[in-house]
Amino acid sequence: MEALIEFGKIIIPASLVLYAVYLTVRSFIIKEIELKKLEVRTRSIETILPARLQAYERMTLFLERIAPQNLLIRLNGPGFTARDFQRVLLDEIRNEYNHNVSQQVYMSDEVWNQIRNAKEDLVMMVNDAASALPAEATGMDLSKKIFEIVMSKQVDLIGLALSELKKEIQQTF
């Protein structure tokens, strides 16, 4: 019985010390893990932040480039028939879009959907304008018809998408 009491006198304090060491080491390890997570997150932000900013810049440029007032002036050349000019416009819009489609990973689905809808609306405008013209119409006639459609629209989807893109940039940074 005395041996059991002596054994208890050694085991109980040793257990308490061991438990205290366990708690101390555990809290130290948890703090180290949190510091490592913070460090990884900081490095990740340093890496992703420039890419996100570049994506926002590229999509802003995309929206500006496909805005009818810029697109029509940039691409219209003498001698285009309306059908030829329609093809040139649609090719340019699709090429610009395909060149920037990967940027969607850096922005919200809402903003990306607005950008895509603005592009699709422009494609529909070009097609509607071209179908409303006679076969012998010129590229200048198509430009005028597109401007008429743009002016008659109550909502500018490209401007709206650009505005939402800017809002997201301001919220993010």
C-alpha atoms as a PDB file:
ATOM      1  CA  MET A   1       0.000   0.000   0.000  1.00  0.00           C
ATOM      2  CA  GLU A   2       2.817   2.396   0.849  1.00  0.00           C
ATOM      3  CA  ALA A   3       4.464   1.614  -2.467  1.00  0.00           C
ATOM      4  CA  LEU A   4       1.239   2.594  -4.237  1.00  0.00           C
ATOM      5  CA  ILE A   5       1.126   5.908  -2.327  1.00  0.00           C
ATOM      6  CA  GLU A   6       4.781   6.610  -3.157  1.00  0.00           C
ATOM      7  CA  PHE A   7       4.123   5.696  -6.766  1.00  0.00           C
ATOM      8  CA  GLY A   8       1.097   8.077  -6.807  1.00  0.00           C
ATOM      9  CA  LYS A   9       3.252  10.870  -5.326  1.00  0.00           C
ATOM     10  CA  ILE A  10       5.555  10.559  -8.313  1.00  0.00           C
ATOM     11  CA  ILE A  11       2.974   9.874 -11.073  1.00  0.00           C
ATOM     12  CA  ILE A  12       0.447  12.623 -10.209  1.00  0.00           C
ATOM     13  CA  PRO A  13       2.920  15.559 -10.240  1.00  0.00           C
ATOM     14  CA  ALA A  14       4.649  14.097 -13.296  1.00  0.00           C
ATOM     15  CA  SER A  15       1.276  13.816 -15.062  1.00  0.00           C
ATOM     16  CA  LEU A  16       0.423  17.412 -14.188  1.00  0.00           C
ATOM     17  CA  VAL A  17       3.784  18.649 -15.481  1.00  0.00           C
ATOM     18  CA  LEU A  18       3.413  16.568 -18.645  1.00  0.00           C
ATOM     19  CA  TYR A  19      -0.117  17.936 -19.206  1.00  0.00           C
ATOM     20  CA  ALA A  20       1.124  21.525 -18.697  1.00  0.00           C
ATOM     21  CA  VAL A  21       3.945  20.932 -21.203  1.00  0.00           C
ATOM     22  CA  TYR A  22       1.402  19.442 -23.649  1.00  0.00           C
ATOM     23  CA  LEU A  23      -0.840  22.517 -23.370  1.00  0.00           C
ATOM     24  CA  THR A  24       2.116  24.873 -23.810  1.00  0.00           C
ATOM     25  CA  VAL A  25       3.479  23.041 -26.856  1.00  0.00           C
ATOM     26  CA  ARG A  26      -0.017  22.733 -28.336  1.00  0.00           C
ATOM     27  CA  SER A  27      -0.672  26.479 -28.051  1.00  0.00           C
ATOM     28  CA  PHE A  28       2.773  27.230 -29.516  1.00  0.00           C
ATOM     29  CA  ILE A  29       2.125  24.935 -32.484  1.00  0.00           C
ATOM     30  CA  ILE A  30      -1.327  26.461 -33.094  1.00  0.00           C
ATOM     31  CA  LYS A  31       0.194  29.963 -33.107  1.00  0.00           C
ATOM     32  CA  GLU A  32       2.929  28.848 -35.515  1.00  0.00           C
ATOM     33  CA  ILE A  33       0.360  27.298 -37.854  1.00  0.00           C
ATOM     34  CA  GLU A  34      -1.683  30.508 -37.825  1.00  0.00           C
ATOM     35  CA  LEU A  35       1.437  32.559 -38.587  1.00  0.00           C
ATOM     36  CA  LYS A  36       2.302  30.255 -41.492  1.00  0.00           C
ATOM     37  CA  LYS A  37      -1.269  30.529 -42.837  1.00  0.00           C
ATOM     38  CA  LEU A  38      -1.075  34.307 -42.603  1.00  0.00           C
ATOM     39  CA  GLU A  39       2.284  34.309 -44.367  1.00  0.00           C
ATOM     40  CA  VAL A  40       0.951  32.088 -47.173  1.00  0.00           C
ATOM     41  CA  ARG A  41      -2.141  34.271 -47.521  1.00  0.00           C
ATOM     42  CA  THR A  42       0.032  37.395 -47.685  1.00  0.00           C
ATOM     43  CA  ARG A  43       2.254  35.857 -50.367  1.00  0.00           C
ATOM     44  CA  SER A  44      -0.833  34.729 -52.251  1.00  0.00           C
ATOM     45  CA  ILE A  45      -2.294  38.231 -52.181  1.00  0.00           C
ATOM     46  CA  GLU A  46       1.012  39.666 -53.376  1.00  0.00           C
ATOM     47  CA  THR A  47       0.918  37.245 -56.301  1.00  0.00           C
ATOM     48  CA  ILE A  48      -2.783  37.434 -57.192  1.00  0.00           C
ATOM     49  CA  LEU A  49      -3.344  41.151 -56.644  1.00  0.00           C
ATOM     50  CA  PRO A  50      -1.375  42.292 -59.713  1.00  0.00           C
ATOM     51  CA  ALA A  51      -3.087  39.627 -61.835  1.00  0.00           C
ATOM     52  CA  ARG A  52      -6.526  40.745 -60.657  1.00  0.00           C
ATOM     53  CA  LEU A  53      -5.725  44.379 -61.349  1.00  0.00           C
ATOM     54  CA  GLN A  54      -4.496  43.453 -64.801  1.00  0.00           C
ATOM     55  CA  ALA A  55      -7.699  41.464 -65.427  1.00  0.00           C
ATOM     56  CA  TYR A  56      -9.831  44.451 -64.454  1.00  0.00           C
ATOM     57  CA  GLU A  57      -7.732  46.690 -66.702  1.00  0.00           C
ATOM     58  CA  ARG A  58      -8.022  44.288 -69.618  1.00  0.00           C
ATOM     59  CA  MET A  59     -11.784  43.953 -69.249  1.00  0.00           C
ATOM     60  CA  THR A  60     -12.141  47.730 -69.028  1.00  0.00           C
ATOM     61  CA  LEU A  61     -10.140  48.015 -72.234  1.00  0.00           C
ATOM     62  CA  PHE A  62     -12.274  45.267 -73.822  1.00  0.00           C
ATOM     63  CA  LEU A  63     -15.498  47.101 -72.993  1.00  0.00           C
ATOM     64  CA  GLU A  64     -14.095  50.374 -74.289  1.00  0.00           C
ATOM     65  CA  ARG A  65     -12.864  48.753 -77.490  1.00  0.00           C
ATOM     66  CA  ILE A  66     -16.226  47.143 -78.276  1.00  0.00           C
ATOM     67  CA  ALA A  67     -18.279  50.229 -77.442  1.00  0.00           C
ATOM     68  CA  PRO A  68     -20.041  51.058 -80.729  1.00  0.00           C
ATOM     69  CA  GLN A  69     -18.688  54.600 -80.924  1.00  0.00           C
ATOM     70  CA  ASN A  70     -15.125  53.260 -80.714  1.00  0.00           C
ATOM     71  CA  LEU A  71     -15.585  50.036 -82.663  1.00  0.00           C
ATOM     72  CA  LEU A  72     -17.296  51.591 -85.665  1.00  0.00           C
ATOM     73  CA  ILE A  73     -14.809  54.429 -86.019  1.00  0.00           C
ATOM     74  CA  ARG A  74     -11.806  52.143 -85.609  1.00  0.00           C
ATOM     75  CA  LEU A  75     -12.906  49.527 -88.136  1.00  0.00           C
ATOM     76  CA  ASN A  76     -14.925  51.357 -90.755  1.00  0.00           C
ATOM     77  CA  GLY A  77     -13.134  51.680 -94.020  1.00  0.00           C
ATOM     78  CA  PRO A  78     -14.154  52.838 -97.468  1.00  0.00           C
ATOM     79  CA  GLY A  79     -15.507  50.254 -99.830  1.00  0.00           C
ATOM     80  CA  PHE A  80     -17.068  47.937 -97.252  1.00  0.00           C
ATOM     81  CA  THR A  81     -20.494  46.599 -98.044  1.00  0.00           C
ATOM     82  CA  ALA A  82     -22.829  46.313 -95.085  1.00  0.00           C
ATOM     83  CA  ARG A  83     -22.414  42.512 -95.042  1.00  0.00           C
ATOM     84  CA  ASP A  84     -18.620  42.750 -95.186  1.00  0.00           C
ATOM     85  CA  PHE A  85     -18.560  45.342 -92.442  1.00  0.00           C
ATOM     86  CA  GLN A  86     -20.929  43.206 -90.349  1.00  0.00           C
ATOM     87  CA  ARG A  87     -18.514  40.290 -90.661  1.00  0.00           C
ATOM     88  CA  VAL A  88     -15.546  42.506 -89.743  1.00  0.00           C
ATOM     89  CA  LEU A  89     -17.383  43.852 -86.671  1.00  0.00           C
ATOM     90  CA  LEU A  90     -18.479  40.423 -85.472  1.00  0.00           C
ATOM     91  CA  ASP A  91     -14.999  38.977 -85.997  1.00  0.00           C
ATOM     92  CA  GLU A  92     -13.442  41.849 -84.047  1.00  0.00           C
ATOM     93  CA  ILE A  93     -15.930  41.504 -81.158  1.00  0.00           C
ATOM     94  CA  ARG A  94     -15.418  37.738 -80.942  1.00  0.00           C
ATOM     95  CA  ASN A  95     -11.633  38.006 -81.199  1.00  0.00           C
ATOM     96  CA  GLU A  96     -11.498  40.635 -78.461  1.00  0.00           C
ATOM     97  CA  TYR A  97     -13.769  38.508 -76.270  1.00  0.00           C
ATOM     98  CA  ASN A  98     -11.846  35.279 -76.880  1.00  0.00           C
ATOM     99  CA  HIS A  99      -8.589  37.068 -76.153  1.00  0.00           C
ATOM    100  CA  ASN A 100      -9.902  38.128 -72.726  1.00  0.00           C
ATOM    101  CA  VAL A 101     -12.167  35.245 -71.724  1.00  0.00           C
ATOM    102  CA  SER A 102      -9.650  33.873 -69.212  1.00  0.00           C
ATOM    103  CA  GLN A 103      -9.932  37.058 -67.142  1.00  0.00           C
ATOM    104  CA  GLN A 104     -13.241  35.840 -65.728  1.00  0.00           C
ATOM    105  CA  VAL A 105     -11.423  33.844 -63.048  1.00  0.00           C
ATOM    106  CA  TYR A 106     -10.387  37.093 -61.365  1.00  0.00           C
ATOM    107  CA  MET A 107     -13.824  38.706 -61.093  1.00  0.00           C
ATOM    108  CA  SER A 108     -17.227  37.924 -59.690  1.00  0.00           C
ATOM    109  CA  ASP A 109     -19.745  35.918 -61.687  1.00  0.00           C
ATOM    110  CA  GLU A 110     -22.123  38.871 -61.614  1.00  0.00           C
ATOM    111  CA  VAL A 111     -19.670  41.240 -63.276  1.00  0.00           C
ATOM    112  CA  TRP A 112     -18.535  38.608 -65.757  1.00  0.00           C
ATOM    113  CA  ASN A 113     -22.145  37.888 -66.740  1.00  0.00           C
ATOM    114  CA  GLN A 114     -22.733  41.588 -67.317  1.00  0.00           C
ATOM    115  CA  ILE A 115     -19.656  41.778 -69.532  1.00  0.00           C
ATOM    116  CA  ARG A 116     -20.779  38.740 -71.496  1.00  0.00           C
ATOM    117  CA  ASN A 117     -24.326  40.112 -71.804  1.00  0.00           C
ATOM    118  CA  ALA A 118     -22.961  43.448 -73.059  1.00  0.00           C
ATOM    119  CA  LYS A 119     -20.962  41.625 -75.725  1.00  0.00           C
ATOM    120  CA  GLU A 120     -23.941  39.505 -76.756  1.00  0.00           C
ATOM    121  CA  ASP A 121     -26.186  42.576 -76.878  1.00  0.00           C
ATOM    122  CA  LEU A 122     -23.705  44.290 -79.200  1.00  0.00           C
ATOM    123  CA  VAL A 123     -23.569  41.224 -81.456  1.00  0.00           C
ATOM    124  CA  MET A 124     -27.379  41.234 -81.625  1.00  0.00           C
ATOM    125  CA  MET A 125     -27.380  44.967 -82.410  1.00  0.00           C
ATOM    126  CA  VAL A 126     -24.949  44.487 -85.289  1.00  0.00           C
ATOM    127  CA  ASN A 127     -26.953  41.578 -86.651  1.00  0.00           C
ATOM    128  CA  ASP A 128     -30.283  43.403 -86.270  1.00  0.00           C
ATOM    129  CA  ALA A 129     -28.896  46.490 -87.987  1.00  0.00           C
ATOM    130  CA  ALA A 130     -27.465  44.433 -90.847  1.00  0.00           C
ATOM    131  CA  SER A 131     -30.703  42.515 -91.355  1.00  0.00           C
ATOM    132  CA  ALA A 132     -32.682  45.780 -91.501  1.00  0.00           C
ATOM    133  CA  LEU A 133     -30.602  47.070 -94.427  1.00  0.00           C
ATOM    134  CA  PRO A 134     -30.967  46.240 -98.106  1.00  0.00           C
ATOM    135  CA  ALA A 135     -28.364  43.990 -99.737  1.00  0.00           C
ATOM    136  CA  GLU A 136     -26.664  46.914-101.546  1.00  0.00           C
ATOM    137  CA  ALA A 137     -26.130  48.951 -98.344  1.00  0.00           C
ATOM    138  CA  THR A 138     -22.658  50.221 -97.509  1.00  0.00           C
ATOM    139  CA  GLY A 139     -20.608  49.931 -94.357  1.00  0.00           C
ATOM    140  CA  MET A 140     -21.459  53.553 -93.604  1.00  0.00           C
ATOM    141  CA  ASP A 141     -25.162  52.698 -93.778  1.00  0.00           C
ATOM    142  CA  LEU A 142     -24.589  49.883 -91.301  1.00  0.00           C
ATOM    143  CA  SER A 143     -22.714  52.249 -88.972  1.00  0.00           C
ATOM    144  CA  LYS A 144     -25.585  54.736 -89.083  1.00  0.00           C
ATOM    145  CA  LYS A 145     -28.127  52.002 -88.389  1.00  0.00           C
ATOM    146  CA  ILE A 146     -26.115  50.699 -85.429  1.00  0.00           C
ATOM    147  CA  PHE A 147     -25.895  54.226 -84.006  1.00  0.00           C
ATOM    148  CA  GLU A 148     -29.656  54.595 -84.415  1.00  0.00           C
ATOM    149  CA  ILE A 149     -30.218  51.365 -82.481  1.00  0.00           C
ATOM    150  CA  VAL A 150     -27.752  52.444 -79.784  1.00  0.00           C
ATOM    151  CA  MET A 151     -29.516  55.799 -79.412  1.00  0.00           C
ATOM    152  CA  SER A 152     -32.939  54.154 -79.202  1.00  0.00           C
ATOM    153  CA  LYS A 153     -31.879  51.763 -76.426  1.00  0.00           C
ATOM    154  CA  GLN A 154     -32.847  52.823 -72.947  1.00  0.00           C
ATOM    155  CA  VAL A 155     -30.094  50.810 -71.258  1.00  0.00           C
ATOM    156  CA  ASP A 156     -26.459  50.870 -72.320  1.00  0.00           C
ATOM    157  CA  LEU A 157     -25.275  47.387 -71.320  1.00  0.00           C
ATOM    158  CA  ILE A 158     -21.640  48.174 -72.083  1.00  0.00           C
ATOM    159  CA  GLY A 159     -21.765  51.267 -69.875  1.00  0.00           C
ATOM    160  CA  LEU A 160     -23.568  49.293 -67.180  1.00  0.00           C
ATOM    161  CA  ALA A 161     -20.978  46.502 -67.294  1.00  0.00           C
ATOM    162  CA  LEU A 162     -18.177  49.065 -67.135  1.00  0.00           C
ATOM    163  CA  SER A 163     -19.818  50.734 -64.157  1.00  0.00           C
ATOM    164  CA  GLU A 164     -20.207  47.406 -62.318  1.00  0.00           C
ATOM    165  CA  LEU A 165     -16.620  46.506 -63.104  1.00  0.00           C
ATOM    166  CA  LYS A 166     -15.445  49.782 -61.580  1.00  0.00           C
ATOM    167  CA  LYS A 167     -17.617  49.218 -58.496  1.00  0.00           C
ATOM    168  CA  GLU A 168     -16.095  45.790 -57.980  1.00  0.00           C
ATOM    169  CA  ILE A 169     -12.595  47.214 -58.277  1.00  0.00           C
ATOM    170  CA  GLN A 170     -13.433  49.864 -55.673  1.00  0.00           C
ATOM    171  CA  GLN A 171     -14.927  47.270 -53.319  1.00  0.00           C
ATOM    172  CA  THR A 172     -11.960  44.965 -53.709  1.00  0.00           C
ATOM    173  CA  PHE A 173      -9.320  47.624 -53.205  1.00  0.00           C
END
